[in-house]
């Protein structure tokens, strides 16, 4: 017998929205983020923003997400220029910084090999 997925979309209260906005503001301090989209899943809220690349018509992304259970927030970005700044804004230090690399740098030996 197949198991049925039990889905519960959590009510995002005004208080949770205020917390998310404050976290987003702190993360983006000194970073030109234009917040753009929100996806509210069953147990996660994801907020997407765009960061302009210098001397390029392209943008990097930043995504802040909150897992409703257990209430953990985190973020991810593709910005090489601002990733260290955002980590410092988030953690108070950049000691755990990891550089973002391109698709080709990571998969090149498999795709081109």
C-alpha atoms as a PDB file:
ATOM      1  CA  UNK A   1       0.000   0.000   0.000  1.00  0.00           C
ATOM      2  CA  UNK A   2       1.430   3.372  -1.042  1.00  0.00           C
ATOM      3  CA  UNK A   3       2.047   5.948   1.635  1.00  0.00           C
ATOM      4  CA  UNK A   4       0.246   9.228   1.261  1.00  0.00           C
ATOM      5  CA  UNK A   5       2.198  12.432   1.782  1.00  0.00           C
ATOM      6  CA  UNK A   6       0.633  14.520   4.495  1.00  0.00           C
ATOM      7  CA  UNK A   7       0.933  18.143   3.502  1.00  0.00           C
ATOM      8  CA  UNK A   8       0.525  21.049   5.850  1.00  0.00           C
ATOM      9  CA  UNK A   9       1.207  24.581   4.693  1.00  0.00           C
ATOM     10  CA  UNK A  10       2.258  26.564   7.733  1.00  0.00           C
ATOM     11  CA  UNK A  11       0.598  29.885   8.416  1.00  0.00           C
ATOM     12  CA  UNK A  12       3.236  32.572   8.041  1.00  0.00           C
ATOM     13  CA  UNK A  13       2.280  35.081  10.698  1.00  0.00           C
ATOM     14  CA  UNK A  14       3.138  38.760  10.611  1.00  0.00           C
ATOM     15  CA  UNK A  15       5.709  38.109  13.366  1.00  0.00           C
ATOM     16  CA  UNK A  16       7.532  35.503  11.267  1.00  0.00           C
ATOM     17  CA  UNK A  17       7.492  37.876   8.281  1.00  0.00           C
ATOM     18  CA  UNK A  18       9.080  40.598  10.434  1.00  0.00           C
ATOM     19  CA  UNK A  19      11.804  38.165  11.542  1.00  0.00           C
ATOM     20  CA  UNK A  20      12.459  37.149   7.915  1.00  0.00           C
ATOM     21  CA  UNK A  21      12.627  40.784   6.774  1.00  0.00           C
ATOM     22  CA  UNK A  22      15.091  41.645   9.553  1.00  0.00           C
ATOM     23  CA  UNK A  23      17.294  38.670   8.665  1.00  0.00           C
ATOM     24  CA  UNK A  24      17.182  39.659   4.976  1.00  0.00           C
ATOM     25  CA  UNK A  25      18.069  43.263   5.848  1.00  0.00           C
ATOM     26  CA  UNK A  26      21.028  42.174   7.993  1.00  0.00           C
ATOM     27  CA  UNK A  27      22.291  39.743   5.340  1.00  0.00           C
ATOM     28  CA  UNK A  28      22.087  42.389   2.608  1.00  0.00           C
ATOM     29  CA  UNK A  29      23.812  45.187   4.563  1.00  0.00           C
ATOM     30  CA  UNK A  30      26.329  46.672   2.120  1.00  0.00           C
ATOM     31  CA  UNK A  31      25.100  44.401  -0.691  1.00  0.00           C
ATOM     32  CA  UNK A  32      22.859  45.761  -3.487  1.00  0.00           C
ATOM     33  CA  UNK A  33      20.173  43.043  -3.312  1.00  0.00           C
ATOM     34  CA  UNK A  34      16.822  43.521  -5.044  1.00  0.00           C
ATOM     35  CA  UNK A  35      14.451  41.073  -3.395  1.00  0.00           C
ATOM     36  CA  UNK A  36      12.125  39.618  -5.998  1.00  0.00           C
ATOM     37  CA  UNK A  37      10.266  36.352  -5.319  1.00  0.00           C
ATOM     38  CA  UNK A  38       8.892  34.273  -2.445  1.00  0.00           C
ATOM     39  CA  UNK A  39       7.996  30.599  -2.606  1.00  0.00           C
ATOM     40  CA  UNK A  40       6.019  29.185   0.297  1.00  0.00           C
ATOM     41  CA  UNK A  41       6.132  25.432   0.278  1.00  0.00           C
ATOM     42  CA  UNK A  42       4.638  23.025   2.762  1.00  0.00           C
ATOM     43  CA  UNK A  43       7.439  23.453   5.301  1.00  0.00           C
ATOM     44  CA  UNK A  44       9.848  25.993   3.785  1.00  0.00           C
ATOM     45  CA  UNK A  45       9.697  29.630   2.812  1.00  0.00           C
ATOM     46  CA  UNK A  46      12.302  30.701   0.225  1.00  0.00           C
ATOM     47  CA  UNK A  47      12.973  34.342  -0.667  1.00  0.00           C
ATOM     48  CA  UNK A  48      14.961  35.116  -3.825  1.00  0.00           C
ATOM     49  CA  UNK A  49      16.868  38.252  -4.712  1.00  0.00           C
ATOM     50  CA  UNK A  50      19.171  39.523  -7.431  1.00  0.00           C
ATOM     51  CA  UNK A  51      22.605  41.132  -7.101  1.00  0.00           C
ATOM     52  CA  UNK A  52      23.933  43.068 -10.102  1.00  0.00           C
ATOM     53  CA  UNK A  53      27.363  42.013 -11.349  1.00  0.00           C
ATOM     54  CA  UNK A  54      29.847  44.835 -11.860  1.00  0.00           C
ATOM     55  CA  UNK A  55      30.457  45.728 -15.508  1.00  0.00           C
ATOM     56  CA  UNK A  56      27.996  43.077 -16.686  1.00  0.00           C
ATOM     57  CA  UNK A  57      24.312  42.992 -17.608  1.00  0.00           C
ATOM     58  CA  UNK A  58      23.979  39.743 -15.619  1.00  0.00           C
ATOM     59  CA  UNK A  59      22.957  39.127 -12.016  1.00  0.00           C
ATOM     60  CA  UNK A  60      23.908  36.782  -9.210  1.00  0.00           C
ATOM     61  CA  UNK A  61      21.237  35.349  -6.938  1.00  0.00           C
ATOM     62  CA  UNK A  62      20.769  35.149  -3.220  1.00  0.00           C
ATOM     63  CA  UNK A  63      18.176  32.932  -1.557  1.00  0.00           C
ATOM     64  CA  UNK A  64      17.206  33.086   2.099  1.00  0.00           C
ATOM     65  CA  UNK A  65      15.159  30.169   3.341  1.00  0.00           C
ATOM     66  CA  UNK A  66      13.432  29.195   6.544  1.00  0.00           C
ATOM     67  CA  UNK A  67      12.460  25.634   7.348  1.00  0.00           C
ATOM     68  CA  UNK A  68       9.345  25.927   9.485  1.00  0.00           C
ATOM     69  CA  UNK A  69      10.245  22.765  11.383  1.00  0.00           C
ATOM     70  CA  UNK A  70      12.586  23.110  13.231  1.00  0.00           C
ATOM     71  CA  UNK A  71      12.638  26.858  12.425  1.00  0.00           C
ATOM     72  CA  UNK A  72      16.125  27.042  10.941  1.00  0.00           C
ATOM     73  CA  UNK A  73      17.124  29.813   8.532  1.00  0.00           C
ATOM     74  CA  UNK A  74      19.979  29.794   6.064  1.00  0.00           C
ATOM     75  CA  UNK A  75      20.969  31.344   2.762  1.00  0.00           C
ATOM     76  CA  UNK A  76      22.884  30.626  -0.427  1.00  0.00           C
ATOM     77  CA  UNK A  77      24.338  32.941  -3.071  1.00  0.00           C
ATOM     78  CA  UNK A  78      26.130  32.735  -6.399  1.00  0.00           C
ATOM     79  CA  UNK A  79      27.910  36.061  -5.861  1.00  0.00           C
ATOM     80  CA  UNK A  80      31.686  35.824  -5.936  1.00  0.00           C
ATOM     81  CA  UNK A  81      31.967  39.539  -5.188  1.00  0.00           C
ATOM     82  CA  UNK A  82      29.630  39.680  -2.181  1.00  0.00           C
ATOM     83  CA  UNK A  83      29.626  36.151  -0.729  1.00  0.00           C
ATOM     84  CA  UNK A  84      32.306  36.893   1.876  1.00  0.00           C
ATOM     85  CA  UNK A  85      30.496  40.105   2.937  1.00  0.00           C
ATOM     86  CA  UNK A  86      27.191  38.262   3.275  1.00  0.00           C
ATOM     87  CA  UNK A  87      28.773  35.501   5.371  1.00  0.00           C
ATOM     88  CA  UNK A  88      30.283  38.119   7.686  1.00  0.00           C
ATOM     89  CA  UNK A  89      26.868  39.797   7.943  1.00  0.00           C
ATOM     90  CA  UNK A  90      25.282  36.402   8.697  1.00  0.00           C
ATOM     91  CA  UNK A  91      27.838  34.823  11.063  1.00  0.00           C
ATOM     92  CA  UNK A  92      29.900  37.773  12.243  1.00  0.00           C
ATOM     93  CA  UNK A  93      32.955  36.162  10.607  1.00  0.00           C
ATOM     94  CA  UNK A  94      33.978  34.784   7.219  1.00  0.00           C
ATOM     95  CA  UNK A  95      36.118  31.961   8.604  1.00  0.00           C
ATOM     96  CA  UNK A  96      33.851  29.298   7.020  1.00  0.00           C
ATOM     97  CA  UNK A  97      33.664  31.003   3.611  1.00  0.00           C
ATOM     98  CA  UNK A  98      33.516  28.734   0.570  1.00  0.00           C
ATOM     99  CA  UNK A  99      34.049  30.183  -2.906  1.00  0.00           C
ATOM    100  CA  UNK A 100      31.349  29.759  -5.522  1.00  0.00           C
ATOM    101  CA  UNK A 101      32.719  28.208  -8.710  1.00  0.00           C
ATOM    102  CA  UNK A 102      31.249  27.896 -12.173  1.00  0.00           C
ATOM    103  CA  UNK A 103      29.393  24.894 -13.506  1.00  0.00           C
ATOM    104  CA  UNK A 104      32.263  24.194 -15.931  1.00  0.00           C
ATOM    105  CA  UNK A 105      34.859  24.372 -13.146  1.00  0.00           C
ATOM    106  CA  UNK A 106      32.987  21.725 -11.163  1.00  0.00           C
ATOM    107  CA  UNK A 107      31.657  19.453 -13.924  1.00  0.00           C
ATOM    108  CA  UNK A 108      34.168  20.170 -16.695  1.00  0.00           C
ATOM    109  CA  UNK A 109      36.068  16.905 -16.333  1.00  0.00           C
ATOM    110  CA  UNK A 110      32.831  14.940 -16.660  1.00  0.00           C
ATOM    111  CA  UNK A 111      30.996  17.000 -19.276  1.00  0.00           C
ATOM    112  CA  UNK A 112      34.066  17.699 -21.421  1.00  0.00           C
ATOM    113  CA  UNK A 113      36.000  14.545 -20.640  1.00  0.00           C
END
